[in-house]
Structure formats: structure tokens, C-alpha cells
Amino acid sequence: MKNTFPIKPIAFSILILFISINAIGQIVNIEDKRSTFTDSIGWFETGELSGQWKKNKTEIFNARAGFQVEFQYKKRILLSISKINFARADNKNFINEGFQHLRYTRLINKRFSYEAFGQAQYNEQLSLKLRILFGTGMRLNICREKSKCNLGLSLMYEYDEETEDITHKDFRLNSYFSATIPFSDKVKLYSTSYYQPLINNFNDFRLSSQSKLVMAITKKLSATITFSILYDSRAPENSPELSEDLYGGIRYKF
């Protein structure tokens, strides 16, 4: 008997869901990846590596890798984050993206920090062949007690190479606001927003925001709801100016 179960549509549906959850946007959110150190000297390291190959009526290949290393020595913090994400089905790339981020932070006092950073990034689905940027600026802690709020302002140089042989070389302001707000012992909101206009033309800008609501079910199990929005006034050709993502999930802390 011929198998009439819709394997191919289901496989593509799962792949599209995977893309919406794991896509790396034009602006990489670093704020939710910072560690909280309790000592003046400490290391933080984490890594993930996964891969899948499956073939029936459709051939699907997926690979992911991510590594983060953070080191604090007294009032200095070094952060390195690397991520690669690739998914291919029926000889078509559904995901082909990655980035490398390096950041140096110097704590001046309890409220002020100096930062310098560099980043390399690519995203085939957003027609971003290569983006290299580096910058420097200040970070201000504006919240007290249980909430954590930070304002950041820096100047960065950006080299953008789009897929269709279009290159941009610009100076941008990089401003952000990040907040961690505990509504109760079991419910917390994490939110980060970036605003990146050109220095000489504020009508040319990128705006990105991500908010995550975490609701504890047990001490180790939590439910999450995440909403992300990205607007690029100068989006690459064949890429949308506005994109939005809304997804939920379950998180288990080992």
C-alpha cells in the first residue's frame, strides 16, 4: 500500500518552525548573554554542537554550533560569543548564518562601564554577505534594588557587503536599553532594545527589540514567551524592512 501520510509537508513545517526560533537577526542581542559574576576573578564557558541528516522523500541536513567564553579579572571583562546555524532541504539553504562577537568591558564604578567591541556576521536569508563592525562607548546602570536596567551609547564603524555586490561603509550610533524586571519570585521579564542610526542621516536606522517573559513552573522548569521585532529602513534588496517573531517554549535548568 502506498504511504499517503504527508511526510514532506510535515518536514518542511518543522524546518520553518526551526528557522523562526533560531534565526539570527541583523542586530545581535548581546545583553541577554552576559554572565553575572560574584567574584572579582572568574570564568564562564558554555558550548553547543548539534547536527542532523535525514533522507526519505526529502533530504534534510542541519548543523548548529555555539560557544561562549567570558573572563573577569577584577574590573575587566572579556567576552567572546560564536554561533553558526545551517539548514538545507531539497538542495535549498533555508538557514545559512553566523557571527563572532568580541567585547571588552572596564568597570569604572558601580554605575559606569567603558566598552569596546568588534563583530563579524553573515546571513544569506537576509541578503547579508558580510558585516564587519567595531566600536567603543559607555554603559550606565540606572536601576537599583531588584530590577536591573542599563543604558548604552557607543560609536561604531560598519562595513556591509550585500549579496548583490552592494557595499556600504558607515559610521553609526549604537544605543541600547536593557532591563530585567521581576514581577514576582516566579515571573520575570527580560527586554532589550537597540537603535542604530547613521551619524549623518538619522532617517537611515535599524531598530531591534526582544522581550522574553519567563514563568517558573518548578525550581528547574520554566515556560517562556518571546517576542522580537526588527526594522531596517535600508534593508537589503528582496528582504523585508519589518520582521516579527513570536514563540513560546519550555526551559529546563540542569
Protein backbone atom coordinates (compact mmCIF):
# COMPACT_ATOMS: atom_id res chain seq x y z
CA MET A 1 0.00 0.00 0.00
CA LYS A 2 1.30 3.45 -0.90
CA ASN A 3 2.13 5.63 2.07
CA THR A 4 -0.17 8.67 1.85
CA PHE A 5 0.99 10.24 5.12
CA PRO A 6 2.14 13.80 4.32
CA ILE A 7 5.79 13.38 5.33
CA LYS A 8 7.17 16.11 3.08
CA PRO A 9 4.79 18.92 4.21
CA ILE A 10 5.35 17.99 7.86
CA ALA A 11 9.13 18.00 7.38
CA PHE A 12 9.02 21.46 5.84
CA SER A 13 6.70 22.72 8.61
CA ILE A 14 9.14 21.55 11.26
CA LEU A 15 12.01 23.19 9.37
CA ILE A 16 10.14 26.52 9.11
CA LEU A 17 9.41 26.38 12.86
CA PHE A 18 13.10 25.72 13.50
CA ILE A 19 14.02 28.75 11.38
CA SER A 20 11.64 31.10 13.21
CA ILE A 21 13.00 30.10 16.61
CA ASN A 22 16.72 30.09 15.82
CA ALA A 23 17.21 32.82 13.21
CA ILE A 24 19.92 35.38 13.93
CA GLY A 25 18.68 38.89 13.15
CA GLN A 26 20.53 41.83 11.63
CA ILE A 27 21.24 43.10 15.17
CA VAL A 28 22.76 40.56 17.55
CA ASN A 29 21.41 40.83 21.10
CA ILE A 30 24.41 40.56 23.43
CA GLU A 31 22.69 41.77 26.60
CA ASP A 32 20.91 38.50 27.43
CA LYS A 33 24.21 36.62 27.05
CA ARG A 34 26.19 38.48 29.69
CA SER A 35 27.07 36.50 32.80
CA THR A 36 26.74 37.68 36.39
CA PHE A 37 29.96 37.22 38.32
CA THR A 38 30.00 37.03 42.12
CA ASP A 39 33.81 37.09 42.46
CA SER A 40 36.42 39.56 41.22
CA ILE A 41 38.08 36.77 39.18
CA GLY A 42 36.06 34.15 37.31
CA TRP A 43 35.48 32.14 34.14
CA PHE A 44 32.24 31.35 32.31
CA GLU A 45 32.24 28.86 29.44
CA THR A 46 29.45 27.19 27.50
CA GLY A 47 29.16 25.43 24.15
CA GLU A 48 26.71 23.56 21.96
CA LEU A 49 27.17 21.42 18.88
CA SER A 50 24.45 19.52 17.07
CA GLY A 51 23.80 18.05 13.64
CA GLN A 52 21.15 16.07 11.79
CA TRP A 53 20.89 14.34 8.43
CA LYS A 54 17.66 12.71 7.29
CA LYS A 55 16.57 11.35 3.92
CA ASN A 56 13.29 9.88 2.77
CA LYS A 57 11.36 11.76 0.12
CA THR A 58 13.19 14.87 1.22
CA GLU A 59 16.84 15.21 2.18
CA ILE A 60 17.34 17.44 5.22
CA PHE A 61 20.64 18.49 6.74
CA ASN A 62 21.02 20.75 9.77
CA ALA A 63 24.05 21.80 11.82
CA ARG A 64 24.39 24.21 14.73
CA ALA A 65 27.36 25.29 16.82
CA GLY A 66 27.69 27.92 19.51
CA PHE A 67 30.42 28.81 22.00
CA GLN A 68 30.70 31.49 24.67
CA VAL A 69 33.71 32.31 26.82
CA GLU A 70 33.70 35.08 29.41
CA PHE A 71 36.53 36.02 31.75
CA GLN A 72 36.57 38.59 34.54
CA TYR A 73 39.72 39.85 36.19
CA LYS A 74 38.90 42.38 38.90
CA LYS A 75 37.22 45.23 36.98
CA ARG A 76 37.87 43.96 33.46
CA ILE A 77 35.63 41.56 31.50
CA LEU A 78 36.41 39.83 28.19
CA LEU A 79 33.53 38.24 26.27
CA SER A 80 33.63 36.05 23.14
CA ILE A 81 30.48 34.64 21.50
CA SER A 82 30.44 32.49 18.34
CA LYS A 83 27.42 30.99 16.57
CA ILE A 84 26.85 29.14 13.30
CA ASN A 85 23.48 27.86 12.06
CA PHE A 86 22.89 25.97 8.80
CA ALA A 87 19.85 24.09 7.45
CA ARG A 88 19.35 22.70 3.94
CA ALA A 89 16.47 20.78 2.35
CA ASP A 90 15.84 19.75 -1.27
CA ASN A 91 19.09 21.43 -2.38
CA LYS A 92 17.99 24.78 -0.94
CA ASN A 93 19.51 26.65 2.01
CA PHE A 94 16.79 27.59 4.49
CA ILE A 95 19.32 28.84 7.07
CA ASN A 96 22.90 29.95 6.50
CA GLU A 97 24.05 32.41 9.13
CA GLY A 98 26.63 33.03 11.80
CA PHE A 99 28.51 35.63 13.83
CA GLN A 100 31.57 36.19 16.00
CA HIS A 101 31.38 38.85 18.71
CA LEU A 102 34.23 40.12 20.92
CA ARG A 103 33.73 42.64 23.73
CA TYR A 104 35.94 44.26 26.37
CA THR A 105 34.34 45.93 29.40
CA ARG A 106 36.11 48.04 32.01
CA LEU A 107 34.10 48.68 35.18
CA ILE A 108 34.72 52.27 36.29
CA ASN A 109 32.37 52.21 39.29
CA LYS A 110 29.04 50.64 40.27
CA ARG A 111 27.17 52.63 37.62
CA PHE A 112 29.57 53.35 34.75
CA SER A 113 31.45 51.00 32.41
CA TYR A 114 33.63 51.52 29.34
CA GLU A 115 33.15 49.11 26.41
CA ALA A 116 34.95 48.26 23.17
CA PHE A 117 33.63 45.64 20.74
CA GLY A 118 34.03 44.03 17.33
CA GLN A 119 31.81 41.70 15.31
CA ALA A 120 31.72 39.74 12.04
CA GLN A 121 28.39 38.44 10.75
CA TYR A 122 26.69 36.90 7.71
CA ASN A 123 23.09 35.90 6.91
CA GLU A 124 22.20 34.53 3.48
CA GLN A 125 18.43 34.72 4.02
CA LEU A 126 18.68 38.47 4.84
CA SER A 127 20.97 39.07 1.82
CA LEU A 128 23.82 39.94 4.17
CA LYS A 129 27.01 38.56 2.64
CA LEU A 130 29.33 40.06 5.26
CA ARG A 131 29.10 42.65 8.01
CA ILE A 132 32.15 43.74 9.98
CA LEU A 133 31.84 46.35 12.70
CA PHE A 134 33.78 47.70 15.63
CA GLY A 135 33.08 50.45 18.13
CA THR A 136 33.51 51.89 21.59
CA GLY A 137 31.34 53.67 24.15
CA MET A 138 29.87 53.83 27.65
CA ARG A 139 27.36 51.78 29.63
CA LEU A 140 25.28 53.16 32.51
CA ASN A 141 23.44 51.21 35.21
CA ILE A 142 20.28 53.21 36.00
CA CYS A 143 18.31 50.79 38.20
CA ARG A 144 18.63 49.82 41.80
CA GLU A 145 17.23 47.17 44.15
CA LYS A 146 15.85 44.04 42.41
CA SER A 147 15.47 45.36 38.85
CA LYS A 148 18.44 45.65 36.50
CA CYS A 149 18.40 48.40 33.86
CA ASN A 150 21.23 49.58 31.62
CA LEU A 151 21.69 52.29 29.01
CA GLY A 152 24.46 52.04 26.45
CA LEU A 153 25.75 54.54 23.90
CA SER A 154 28.66 53.98 21.53
CA LEU A 155 30.03 54.96 18.15
CA MET A 156 30.75 52.20 15.64
CA TYR A 157 32.14 51.81 12.13
CA GLU A 158 30.29 49.31 9.94
CA TYR A 159 31.24 47.59 6.69
CA ASP A 160 28.22 45.98 4.97
CA GLU A 161 28.58 43.77 1.91
CA GLU A 162 25.25 42.66 0.48
CA THR A 163 24.71 39.66 -1.77
CA GLU A 164 24.23 41.66 -4.99
CA ASP A 165 27.67 43.33 -4.94
CA ILE A 166 26.41 46.33 -2.96
CA THR A 167 28.74 47.65 -0.25
CA HIS A 168 28.11 50.23 2.49
CA LYS A 169 30.74 51.83 4.74
CA ASP A 170 29.16 53.88 7.51
CA PHE A 171 29.52 55.31 10.99
CA ARG A 172 26.53 54.61 13.24
CA LEU A 173 25.41 55.40 16.75
CA ASN A 174 24.75 52.23 18.72
CA SER A 175 22.33 52.88 21.58
CA TYR A 176 20.51 50.28 23.66
CA PHE A 177 18.35 49.83 26.73
CA SER A 178 18.18 46.54 28.60
CA ALA A 179 16.06 45.65 31.61
CA THR A 180 15.39 42.68 33.87
CA ILE A 181 12.17 43.18 35.81
CA PRO A 182 11.00 40.62 38.43
CA PHE A 183 7.22 40.82 38.80
CA SER A 184 7.40 38.11 41.46
CA ASP A 185 9.69 35.27 42.54
CA LYS A 186 8.29 33.17 39.68
CA VAL A 187 7.75 35.68 36.87
CA LYS A 188 10.49 37.79 35.25
CA LEU A 189 10.65 39.95 32.14
CA TYR A 190 13.88 40.34 30.14
CA SER A 191 13.86 43.08 27.50
CA THR A 192 16.49 44.67 25.22
CA SER A 193 16.06 47.34 22.53
CA TYR A 194 18.67 48.66 20.08
CA TYR A 195 18.57 51.85 17.99
CA GLN A 196 21.32 52.28 15.38
CA PRO A 197 21.05 55.38 13.12
CA LEU A 198 23.66 56.69 10.70
CA ILE A 199 25.69 59.57 12.16
CA ASN A 200 24.96 61.84 9.18
CA ASN A 201 21.38 60.67 8.45
CA PHE A 202 19.02 59.70 11.27
CA ASN A 203 16.40 58.64 8.70
CA ASP A 204 18.64 55.65 7.94
CA PHE A 205 18.41 53.45 11.02
CA ARG A 206 17.88 49.97 12.40
CA LEU A 207 15.61 49.27 15.36
CA SER A 208 15.51 45.95 17.18
CA SER A 209 13.67 44.84 20.31
CA GLN A 210 13.32 41.50 22.08
CA SER A 211 11.25 40.75 25.18
CA LYS A 212 11.14 37.42 26.99
CA LEU A 213 8.69 36.52 29.76
CA VAL A 214 9.90 33.65 31.97
CA MET A 215 7.40 31.92 34.26
CA ALA A 216 8.76 29.38 36.73
CA ILE A 217 6.82 26.12 36.99
CA THR A 218 9.25 24.38 39.34
CA LYS A 219 12.74 25.28 40.58
CA LYS A 220 14.26 23.96 37.34
CA LEU A 221 11.40 24.09 34.82
CA SER A 222 10.11 27.31 33.27
CA ALA A 223 7.77 28.38 30.48
CA THR A 224 8.89 31.19 28.18
CA ILE A 225 7.19 33.56 25.75
CA THR A 226 9.44 35.62 23.45
CA PHE A 227 8.56 38.45 21.07
CA SER A 228 11.13 40.01 18.71
CA ILE A 229 10.80 42.81 16.18
CA LEU A 230 13.34 44.21 13.70
CA TYR A 231 13.02 47.22 11.44
CA ASP A 232 15.68 48.24 8.92
CA SER A 233 14.99 51.40 6.91
CA ARG A 234 17.68 50.34 4.41
CA ALA A 235 17.02 46.63 4.21
CA PRO A 236 18.91 44.69 1.51
CA GLU A 237 17.08 44.07 -1.75
CA ASN A 238 14.44 41.29 -1.55
CA SER A 239 14.49 41.49 2.27
CA PRO A 240 11.58 42.94 4.29
CA GLU A 241 12.02 46.19 6.21
CA LEU A 242 9.98 44.85 9.14
CA SER A 243 10.11 41.34 10.61
CA GLU A 244 8.45 39.95 13.74
CA ASP A 245 8.71 36.70 15.71
CA LEU A 246 6.52 35.34 18.50
CA TYR A 247 7.18 31.94 20.04
CA GLY A 248 6.86 30.03 23.28
CA GLY A 249 8.87 27.26 24.83
CA ILE A 250 9.94 25.28 27.85
CA ARG A 251 13.31 25.77 29.57
CA TYR A 252 14.95 23.29 31.94
CA LYS A 253 17.89 24.33 34.09
CA PHE A 254 20.26 21.47 34.90
